Amino acid sequence: MWQRLFSAIVLGIFISNAATAQTRVKLGILGDQSGAYSAIGGQGSVVAARMAVEDFKPSERGLKVEVVSGDHQNKPEIGVALARQWFERDGVEAIFDVPSSSVALAVSDVAKEKNKALIITGAGTADLTGPKCSPNTVHWAYDTVALANGTGSTMVKRGGDTWFFIAADYVFGQTLQRDTAAVVEKNGGKVIGSIKAPFPTADFSSYLQQARDSGAKVIGLANSGADTINAVKQAGEQGISSKGQALAALLIYSSDVHTLGTKAAQGLVLTEPFYWDLNAATRAFSDRFAHQFGGKKPTSNQAAVYVGVMHYLKAVEALKSASDGVATVAKMKEIPADDPLFGKGEIRQDGRKIHDMYLFEVKQPSESKGEWDLYKLLSTIPGKEAFRPVAEGGCPLVKGQEAKP
């Protein structure tokens, strides 16, 4: 009897110590849950994060992982308040997603101040790995330079050598216009006009009319989410394509094209880092995701949340700690990046995740075999060609850039 009692006590102590030995990690999915960008991330990003945690099997690796979520409403002050609460009071060690560049830049400052990790998958400004880079931040998925190098250069090569921009009037829209204009001019094109539209905007009719009157061969939409959907719909209603002008949706997601339908979006050229039907691995993941998310296929942002969480947890497992954000991000940069959704790549010194980008064209309705059969692949853009060279960004983390303004 005493032997059995002693064994039970020893077993209890062992189980207690094993539980105590687990590294506890709380992840925050900070996104737009109700506004213009909710379809590209939103609850889908939360589903992707939880799938990543489940697939990582944390209990078998000495980790205990929890996922929480919040809505920043595309307002920097709300994003900052949530990030501070999570970091200071709620024990969150890392934040993911963060669409809207103005919110991402503000939250990046908080993550640096509190020495936590920030893995951005939803925001686009390339300044996040340029002058605003941080040792606590990784920028996954895409950025404004990669979009410009894909869609912008292709449109010029197709004969679209004069451009008029309609840009969302905040950091992302301005940066996307800036980086695309640079690519257009580098390829021999010319920007003949631009206009800023408030974010968000429901009625683009007057902006489209000005673009139409400019006579530009390409109307560049430097916006995203619901804004892009509204602009493309209304451009179709105005018959812009029949006037010999082409529309360039510089950032458009598969969820946006699905909402528009191939009839309205047919022929659009776009750049993405992920598409659900790209290969067997992306299809397998997307089928699982759709099963958990009402039949909807994942966007590139949601796919990036999944692989970003997986890569982050690998770094935490290696360090056996998540408390030091700088150390965790540094370990993420050391670990080879190779996953079934984005393929082989690397996380550079400036925090930029490098992987191939893809140039797609939206299918004609007659080509589409189902509601999510949206794209045909035009070309693959190697990561080192898609993204800005590390020496050109002005990131102070990069050797030789410290003294540059």
Protein backbone atom coordinates (compact mmCIF):
# COMPACT_ATOMS: atom_id res chain seq x y z
CA MET A 1 0.00 0.00 0.00
CA TRP A 2 2.74 2.44 1.02
CA GLN A 3 4.64 1.54 -2.14
CA ARG A 4 1.62 2.35 -4.29
CA LEU A 5 1.07 5.61 -2.42
CA PHE A 6 4.73 6.58 -2.85
CA SER A 7 4.56 5.78 -6.58
CA ALA A 8 1.44 7.92 -6.95
CA ILE A 9 3.13 10.85 -5.19
CA VAL A 10 6.23 10.57 -7.38
CA LEU A 11 4.04 10.37 -10.51
CA GLY A 12 2.10 13.44 -9.39
CA ILE A 13 5.31 15.39 -8.83
CA PHE A 14 6.60 14.32 -12.26
CA ILE A 15 3.39 15.41 -14.01
CA SER A 16 3.38 18.70 -12.12
CA ASN A 17 7.00 19.42 -13.04
CA ALA A 18 6.37 18.51 -16.68
CA ALA A 19 3.45 20.92 -16.83
CA THR A 20 5.51 23.62 -15.14
CA ALA A 21 8.34 23.03 -17.60
CA GLN A 22 6.13 23.89 -20.56
CA THR A 23 6.90 27.22 -22.21
CA ARG A 24 3.70 29.24 -22.24
CA VAL A 25 3.11 31.36 -25.35
CA LYS A 26 0.17 33.66 -26.03
CA LEU A 27 -0.28 34.90 -29.59
CA GLY A 28 -2.40 37.90 -30.57
CA ILE A 29 -4.11 38.12 -33.98
CA LEU A 30 -4.60 41.85 -34.44
CA GLY A 31 -6.70 42.59 -37.49
CA ASP A 32 -9.68 44.21 -39.09
CA GLN A 33 -12.64 42.15 -37.96
CA SER A 34 -15.44 44.28 -39.33
CA GLY A 35 -14.22 46.85 -41.87
CA ALA A 36 -12.74 47.22 -45.35
CA TYR A 37 -10.02 44.60 -44.79
CA SER A 38 -12.00 42.02 -42.81
CA ALA A 39 -12.34 39.62 -45.76
CA ILE A 40 -8.60 39.41 -46.40
CA GLY A 41 -7.80 38.61 -42.78
CA GLY A 42 -10.45 38.95 -40.10
CA GLN A 43 -11.68 35.75 -38.53
CA GLY A 44 -9.94 33.84 -41.31
CA SER A 45 -6.59 34.88 -39.85
CA VAL A 46 -7.69 33.60 -36.44
CA VAL A 47 -8.67 30.26 -38.02
CA ALA A 48 -5.29 30.08 -39.79
CA ALA A 49 -3.40 30.80 -36.56
CA ARG A 50 -5.28 28.10 -34.67
CA MET A 51 -4.66 25.63 -37.47
CA ALA A 52 -0.94 26.39 -37.24
CA VAL A 53 -0.91 25.84 -33.48
CA GLU A 54 -2.76 22.54 -33.87
CA ASP A 55 -0.44 21.35 -36.65
CA PHE A 56 2.65 22.33 -34.64
CA LYS A 57 1.58 19.96 -31.83
CA PRO A 58 2.94 22.24 -29.10
CA SER A 59 2.35 19.88 -26.17
CA GLU A 60 4.73 17.38 -27.78
CA ARG A 61 7.39 20.13 -28.05
CA GLY A 62 7.18 21.50 -24.52
CA LEU A 63 4.94 24.46 -25.40
CA LYS A 64 1.51 25.60 -24.28
CA VAL A 65 0.08 28.01 -26.85
CA GLU A 66 -2.98 30.23 -26.64
CA VAL A 67 -4.44 32.42 -29.40
CA VAL A 68 -6.39 35.63 -28.75
CA SER A 69 -7.74 38.13 -31.26
CA GLY A 70 -8.70 41.79 -31.48
CA ASP A 71 -10.14 44.35 -33.90
CA HIS A 72 -8.03 47.46 -34.53
CA GLN A 73 -10.77 48.95 -36.76
CA ASN A 74 -8.04 50.31 -39.08
CA LYS A 75 -7.25 53.00 -36.51
CA PRO A 76 -3.64 53.34 -35.30
CA GLU A 77 -4.70 54.57 -31.86
CA ILE A 78 -6.88 51.50 -31.30
CA GLY A 79 -4.16 49.19 -32.60
CA VAL A 80 -1.62 50.75 -30.24
CA ALA A 81 -4.00 50.55 -27.26
CA LEU A 82 -4.71 46.85 -27.90
CA ALA A 83 -1.03 46.05 -28.40
CA ARG A 84 -0.10 47.78 -25.13
CA GLN A 85 -2.84 45.98 -23.23
CA TRP A 86 -1.80 42.63 -24.67
CA PHE A 87 1.90 43.16 -23.99
CA GLU A 88 1.63 44.85 -20.59
CA ARG A 89 -1.34 43.12 -18.96
CA ASP A 90 -2.42 40.06 -20.89
CA GLY A 91 0.86 38.21 -21.43
CA VAL A 92 0.87 38.26 -25.23
CA GLU A 93 4.36 37.59 -26.58
CA ALA A 94 3.79 38.06 -30.32
CA ILE A 95 1.30 39.79 -32.62
CA PHE A 96 0.38 38.66 -36.15
CA ASP A 97 -1.63 39.95 -39.14
CA VAL A 98 -2.07 43.77 -38.71
CA PRO A 99 -3.51 44.98 -42.02
CA SER A 100 -3.39 48.74 -42.67
CA SER A 101 0.12 50.16 -42.92
CA SER A 102 -0.53 53.07 -40.57
CA VAL A 103 -1.59 50.64 -37.84
CA ALA A 104 1.33 48.30 -38.54
CA LEU A 105 3.90 51.10 -38.28
CA ALA A 106 2.43 52.28 -34.98
CA VAL A 107 2.25 48.76 -33.50
CA SER A 108 5.82 48.09 -34.64
CA ASP A 109 6.98 50.93 -32.39
CA VAL A 110 5.11 49.40 -29.42
CA ALA A 111 6.57 45.94 -30.06
CA LYS A 112 10.06 47.43 -30.10
CA GLU A 113 9.42 49.41 -26.91
CA LYS A 114 8.11 46.33 -25.08
CA ASN A 115 10.60 43.92 -26.71
CA LYS A 116 7.93 41.65 -28.15
CA ALA A 117 7.69 40.04 -31.57
CA LEU A 118 5.57 41.36 -34.44
CA ILE A 119 4.97 39.32 -37.60
CA ILE A 120 3.14 41.48 -40.13
CA THR A 121 1.26 39.72 -42.92
CA GLY A 122 -1.53 42.14 -43.77
CA ALA A 123 0.15 45.54 -44.17
CA GLY A 124 1.97 46.51 -47.34
CA THR A 125 4.29 49.47 -46.96
CA ALA A 126 7.89 48.59 -47.79
CA ASP A 127 8.99 51.17 -45.23
CA LEU A 128 8.52 48.44 -42.61
CA THR A 129 11.79 46.94 -43.82
CA GLY A 130 13.26 50.27 -44.91
CA PRO A 131 13.72 53.34 -42.72
CA LYS A 132 11.09 52.06 -40.24
CA CYS A 133 12.58 48.58 -39.82
CA SER A 134 12.83 47.10 -36.33
CA PRO A 135 14.73 44.18 -34.74
CA ASN A 136 11.36 43.04 -33.35
CA THR A 137 9.46 42.95 -36.66
CA VAL A 138 9.20 40.48 -39.54
CA HIS A 139 7.32 41.49 -42.70
CA TRP A 140 5.82 38.43 -44.40
CA ALA A 141 3.75 37.89 -47.59
CA TYR A 142 4.22 40.97 -49.82
CA ASP A 143 5.07 44.66 -49.87
CA THR A 144 4.53 47.66 -52.10
CA VAL A 145 7.84 47.18 -53.94
CA ALA A 146 7.04 43.56 -54.84
CA LEU A 147 3.58 44.54 -56.08
CA ALA A 148 5.06 47.32 -58.18
CA ASN A 149 7.75 45.06 -59.64
CA GLY A 150 5.08 42.55 -60.61
CA THR A 151 1.97 44.35 -61.82
CA GLY A 152 3.52 47.74 -62.60
CA SER A 153 6.34 46.51 -64.80
CA THR A 154 4.08 44.03 -66.61
CA MET A 155 1.50 46.66 -67.51
CA VAL A 156 4.18 48.95 -68.97
CA LYS A 157 5.66 46.10 -71.00
CA ARG A 158 2.18 45.40 -72.36
CA GLY A 159 2.01 48.95 -73.72
CA GLY A 160 0.57 50.77 -70.72
CA ASP A 161 3.16 53.53 -70.68
CA THR A 162 1.01 56.37 -69.28
CA TRP A 163 -0.52 56.10 -65.80
CA PHE A 164 -3.06 57.86 -63.60
CA PHE A 165 -3.25 56.78 -59.95
CA ILE A 166 -6.21 56.66 -57.61
CA ALA A 167 -4.59 56.17 -54.19
CA ALA A 168 -6.05 55.55 -50.75
CA ASP A 169 -5.23 58.62 -48.69
CA TYR A 170 -3.07 57.02 -46.03
CA VAL A 171 0.37 55.44 -45.72
CA PHE A 172 -0.28 52.29 -47.75
CA GLY A 173 -1.88 54.03 -50.73
CA GLN A 174 0.80 56.70 -50.85
CA THR A 175 3.63 54.16 -50.60
CA LEU A 176 2.11 51.87 -53.23
CA GLN A 177 1.73 54.80 -55.62
CA ARG A 178 5.31 55.93 -54.92
CA ASP A 179 6.84 52.49 -55.49
CA THR A 180 4.74 51.72 -58.57
CA ALA A 181 5.47 55.11 -60.13
CA ALA A 182 9.18 54.44 -59.69
CA VAL A 183 8.86 51.12 -61.53
CA VAL A 184 6.73 52.64 -64.30
CA GLU A 185 9.30 55.37 -64.91
CA LYS A 186 12.21 52.94 -64.71
CA ASN A 187 10.57 50.91 -67.49
CA GLY A 188 10.08 53.94 -69.72
CA GLY A 189 6.54 54.89 -68.71
CA LYS A 190 5.18 58.19 -67.44
CA VAL A 191 2.79 59.20 -64.63
CA ILE A 192 0.49 61.91 -65.97
CA GLY A 193 -1.73 62.39 -62.93
CA SER A 194 -3.00 61.15 -59.59
CA ILE A 195 -5.68 61.76 -57.01
CA LYS A 196 -6.16 60.71 -53.39
CA ALA A 197 -9.39 59.10 -52.22
CA PRO A 198 -10.38 59.01 -48.53
CA PHE A 199 -10.16 55.64 -46.80
CA PRO A 200 -12.60 53.97 -46.95
CA THR A 201 -14.53 55.18 -50.03
CA ALA A 202 -17.83 53.81 -51.31
CA ASP A 203 -18.32 56.04 -54.36
CA PHE A 204 -15.38 56.21 -56.78
CA SER A 205 -17.32 57.73 -59.68
CA SER A 206 -15.74 61.20 -59.55
CA TYR A 207 -12.21 59.79 -59.11
CA LEU A 208 -12.69 57.41 -62.01
CA GLN A 209 -14.04 60.22 -64.16
CA GLN A 210 -10.87 62.26 -63.56
CA ALA A 211 -8.75 59.23 -64.41
CA ARG A 212 -10.80 58.65 -67.53
CA ASP A 213 -10.47 62.29 -68.61
CA SER A 214 -6.69 62.13 -68.20
CA GLY A 215 -6.42 59.80 -71.18
CA ALA A 216 -3.90 57.61 -69.34
CA LYS A 217 -3.58 54.11 -70.75
CA VAL A 218 -3.51 52.61 -67.25
CA ILE A 219 -5.53 53.58 -64.19
CA GLY A 220 -3.59 52.35 -61.18
CA LEU A 221 -5.67 51.53 -58.09
CA ALA A 222 -3.38 52.02 -55.11
CA ASN A 223 -5.88 50.71 -52.58
CA SER A 224 -7.15 47.39 -51.26
CA GLY A 225 -10.06 45.46 -49.83
CA ALA A 226 -13.54 46.95 -50.14
CA ASP A 227 -12.08 50.08 -51.76
CA THR A 228 -10.63 48.05 -54.63
CA ILE A 229 -13.86 46.08 -55.02
CA ASN A 230 -15.90 49.29 -55.25
CA ALA A 231 -13.47 50.91 -57.70
CA VAL A 232 -13.35 47.90 -60.04
CA LYS A 233 -17.14 47.52 -60.02
CA GLN A 234 -17.71 51.18 -60.80
CA ALA A 235 -15.01 51.20 -63.48
CA GLY A 236 -16.94 48.43 -65.19
CA GLU A 237 -20.18 50.38 -64.90
CA GLN A 238 -18.48 53.39 -66.51
CA GLY A 239 -17.18 51.21 -69.34
CA ILE A 240 -13.58 52.29 -68.81
CA SER A 241 -12.09 49.22 -70.48
CA SER A 242 -14.18 49.86 -73.60
CA LYS A 243 -12.53 53.28 -73.87
CA GLY A 244 -9.12 51.72 -74.37
CA GLN A 245 -7.95 52.23 -70.78
CA ALA A 246 -6.74 49.36 -68.62
CA LEU A 247 -7.30 48.97 -64.92
CA ALA A 248 -4.40 47.91 -62.69
CA ALA A 249 -5.52 46.65 -59.28
CA LEU A 250 -2.15 46.94 -57.57
CA LEU A 251 -3.23 44.98 -54.49
CA ILE A 252 -6.16 42.66 -54.88
CA TYR A 253 -6.80 39.40 -53.05
CA SER A 254 -8.56 36.24 -54.17
CA SER A 255 -11.40 37.08 -51.76
CA ASP A 256 -11.87 40.40 -53.58
CA VAL A 257 -11.94 38.72 -56.99
CA HIS A 258 -14.39 36.14 -55.63
CA THR A 259 -16.67 38.95 -54.46
CA LEU A 260 -16.40 40.73 -57.80
CA GLY A 261 -16.84 37.58 -59.86
CA THR A 262 -14.89 36.76 -63.01
CA LYS A 263 -17.35 38.69 -65.19
CA ALA A 264 -16.41 41.99 -63.51
CA ALA A 265 -12.75 41.17 -62.83
CA GLN A 266 -11.82 39.23 -65.99
CA GLY A 267 -8.46 40.16 -67.47
CA LEU A 268 -7.12 41.92 -64.39
CA VAL A 269 -3.38 41.36 -63.99
CA LEU A 270 -2.26 41.05 -60.39
CA THR A 271 0.63 39.98 -58.19
CA GLU A 272 0.26 37.62 -55.22
CA PRO A 273 2.63 35.50 -53.10
CA PHE A 274 0.09 32.67 -52.69
CA TYR A 275 -2.95 31.23 -54.43
CA TRP A 276 -4.98 28.35 -53.09
CA ASP A 277 -4.83 26.40 -56.38
CA LEU A 278 -1.13 26.87 -57.09
CA ASN A 279 -0.02 23.29 -56.37
CA ALA A 280 -0.95 20.14 -54.45
CA ALA A 281 0.29 21.49 -51.11
CA THR A 282 -1.62 24.79 -51.36
CA ARG A 283 -4.76 22.90 -52.38
CA ALA A 284 -4.49 20.49 -49.44
CA PHE A 285 -4.11 23.30 -46.93
CA SER A 286 -6.85 25.37 -48.55
CA ASP A 287 -9.31 22.48 -48.46
CA ARG A 288 -8.70 22.07 -44.72
CA PHE A 289 -9.03 25.82 -44.17
CA ALA A 290 -12.25 26.01 -46.18
CA HIS A 291 -13.71 23.15 -44.16
CA GLN A 292 -13.24 25.25 -41.01
CA PHE A 293 -14.19 28.60 -42.54
CA GLY A 294 -17.50 28.20 -44.25
CA GLY A 295 -16.15 26.97 -47.58
CA LYS A 296 -14.00 30.06 -48.19
CA LYS A 297 -10.52 29.57 -49.62
CA PRO A 298 -7.66 31.34 -47.79
CA THR A 299 -6.20 34.62 -48.94
CA SER A 300 -2.44 35.14 -49.11
CA ASN A 301 -2.67 37.07 -45.84
CA GLN A 302 -4.40 34.20 -44.04
CA ALA A 303 -1.92 31.70 -45.49
CA ALA A 304 0.94 33.91 -44.29
CA VAL A 305 -0.50 33.99 -40.77
CA TYR A 306 -0.45 30.19 -40.78
CA VAL A 307 3.18 29.84 -41.86
CA GLY A 308 4.27 32.86 -39.82
CA VAL A 309 2.89 31.30 -36.64
CA MET A 310 4.58 27.98 -37.48
CA HIS A 311 7.95 29.66 -38.07
CA TYR A 312 7.65 31.75 -34.91
CA LEU A 313 6.89 28.66 -32.81
CA LYS A 314 9.96 26.93 -34.24
CA ALA A 315 12.06 29.83 -32.92
CA VAL A 316 10.38 29.70 -29.50
CA GLU A 317 10.96 25.95 -29.32
CA ALA A 318 14.64 26.42 -30.15
CA LEU A 319 15.08 29.14 -27.53
CA LYS A 320 12.79 27.48 -24.96
CA SER A 321 11.46 30.95 -24.30
CA ALA A 322 9.27 33.62 -25.88
CA SER A 323 10.07 36.45 -23.47
CA ASP A 324 12.71 38.27 -25.55
CA GLY A 325 11.25 39.58 -28.80
CA VAL A 326 14.58 40.57 -30.33
CA ALA A 327 16.07 37.15 -29.60
CA THR A 328 13.02 35.37 -31.01
CA VAL A 329 13.03 37.38 -34.25
CA ALA A 330 16.79 36.85 -34.57
CA LYS A 331 16.23 33.10 -34.24
CA MET A 332 13.49 33.28 -36.88
CA LYS A 333 16.05 34.83 -39.24
CA GLU A 334 18.51 31.99 -38.50
CA ILE A 335 16.04 29.14 -39.11
CA PRO A 336 15.70 28.20 -42.81
CA ALA A 337 12.34 29.28 -44.20
CA ASP A 338 10.79 26.44 -46.17
CA ASP A 339 7.09 25.70 -46.02
CA PRO A 340 4.47 24.11 -48.30
CA LEU A 341 2.57 27.36 -48.92
CA PHE A 342 5.29 29.89 -49.78
CA GLY A 343 8.16 27.54 -50.56
CA LYS A 344 11.83 28.12 -49.84
CA GLY A 345 13.00 31.53 -48.75
CA GLU A 346 14.69 33.49 -46.02
CA ILE A 347 14.09 36.25 -43.50
CA ARG A 348 16.64 38.94 -44.19
CA GLN A 349 18.50 41.14 -41.75
CA ASP A 350 15.99 43.94 -42.36
CA GLY A 351 13.07 41.65 -41.42
CA ARG A 352 11.85 41.14 -44.99
CA LYS A 353 10.63 37.59 -45.69
CA ILE A 354 11.83 36.65 -49.19
CA HIS A 355 9.98 34.15 -51.38
CA ASP A 356 8.72 33.92 -54.95
CA MET A 357 5.85 36.11 -56.11
CA TYR A 358 3.41 35.16 -58.87
CA LEU A 359 1.89 37.14 -61.70
CA PHE A 360 -1.71 36.09 -62.36
CA GLU A 361 -4.52 37.08 -64.67
CA VAL A 362 -8.17 36.74 -63.67
CA LYS A 363 -9.88 34.13 -65.83
CA GLN A 364 -12.67 34.80 -68.28
CA PRO A 365 -16.04 33.46 -67.04
CA SER A 366 -15.88 30.75 -69.71
CA GLU A 367 -12.51 29.58 -68.35
CA SER A 368 -13.58 29.31 -64.71
CA LYS A 369 -14.68 25.87 -63.55
CA GLY A 370 -16.02 26.91 -60.14
CA GLU A 371 -16.63 29.85 -57.83
CA TRP A 372 -13.04 29.82 -56.52
CA ASP A 373 -11.39 29.00 -59.86
CA LEU A 374 -10.22 32.57 -60.41
CA TYR A 375 -6.63 32.89 -61.65
CA LYS A 376 -4.38 31.64 -64.38
CA LEU A 377 -0.65 31.83 -63.76
CA LEU A 378 1.31 34.08 -66.11
CA SER A 379 4.79 33.87 -64.57
CA THR A 380 6.81 33.27 -61.43
CA ILE A 381 8.90 36.17 -60.14
CA PRO A 382 11.91 34.97 -58.12
CA GLY A 383 11.99 36.48 -54.65
CA LYS A 384 15.28 38.27 -55.16
CA GLU A 385 13.82 40.02 -58.21
CA ALA A 386 10.45 40.80 -56.64
CA PHE A 387 11.61 42.44 -53.44
CA ARG A 388 13.88 45.44 -52.99
CA PRO A 389 17.59 44.63 -52.51
CA VAL A 390 18.49 44.77 -48.84
CA ALA A 391 21.16 47.44 -49.40
CA GLU A 392 18.66 49.84 -50.99
CA GLY A 393 16.07 50.07 -48.23
CA GLY A 394 17.84 52.32 -45.77
CA CYS A 395 17.19 49.95 -42.85
CA PRO A 396 19.48 50.88 -39.93
CA LEU A 397 19.77 47.18 -38.99
CA VAL A 398 21.66 46.48 -42.21
CA LYS A 399 25.43 46.84 -42.06
CA GLY A 400 26.52 49.96 -43.84
CA GLN A 401 23.10 51.65 -43.55
CA GLU A 402 23.45 52.99 -40.00
CA ALA A 403 24.65 56.47 -40.96
CA LYS A 404 22.14 56.96 -43.78
CA PRO A 405 19.11 59.19 -43.17
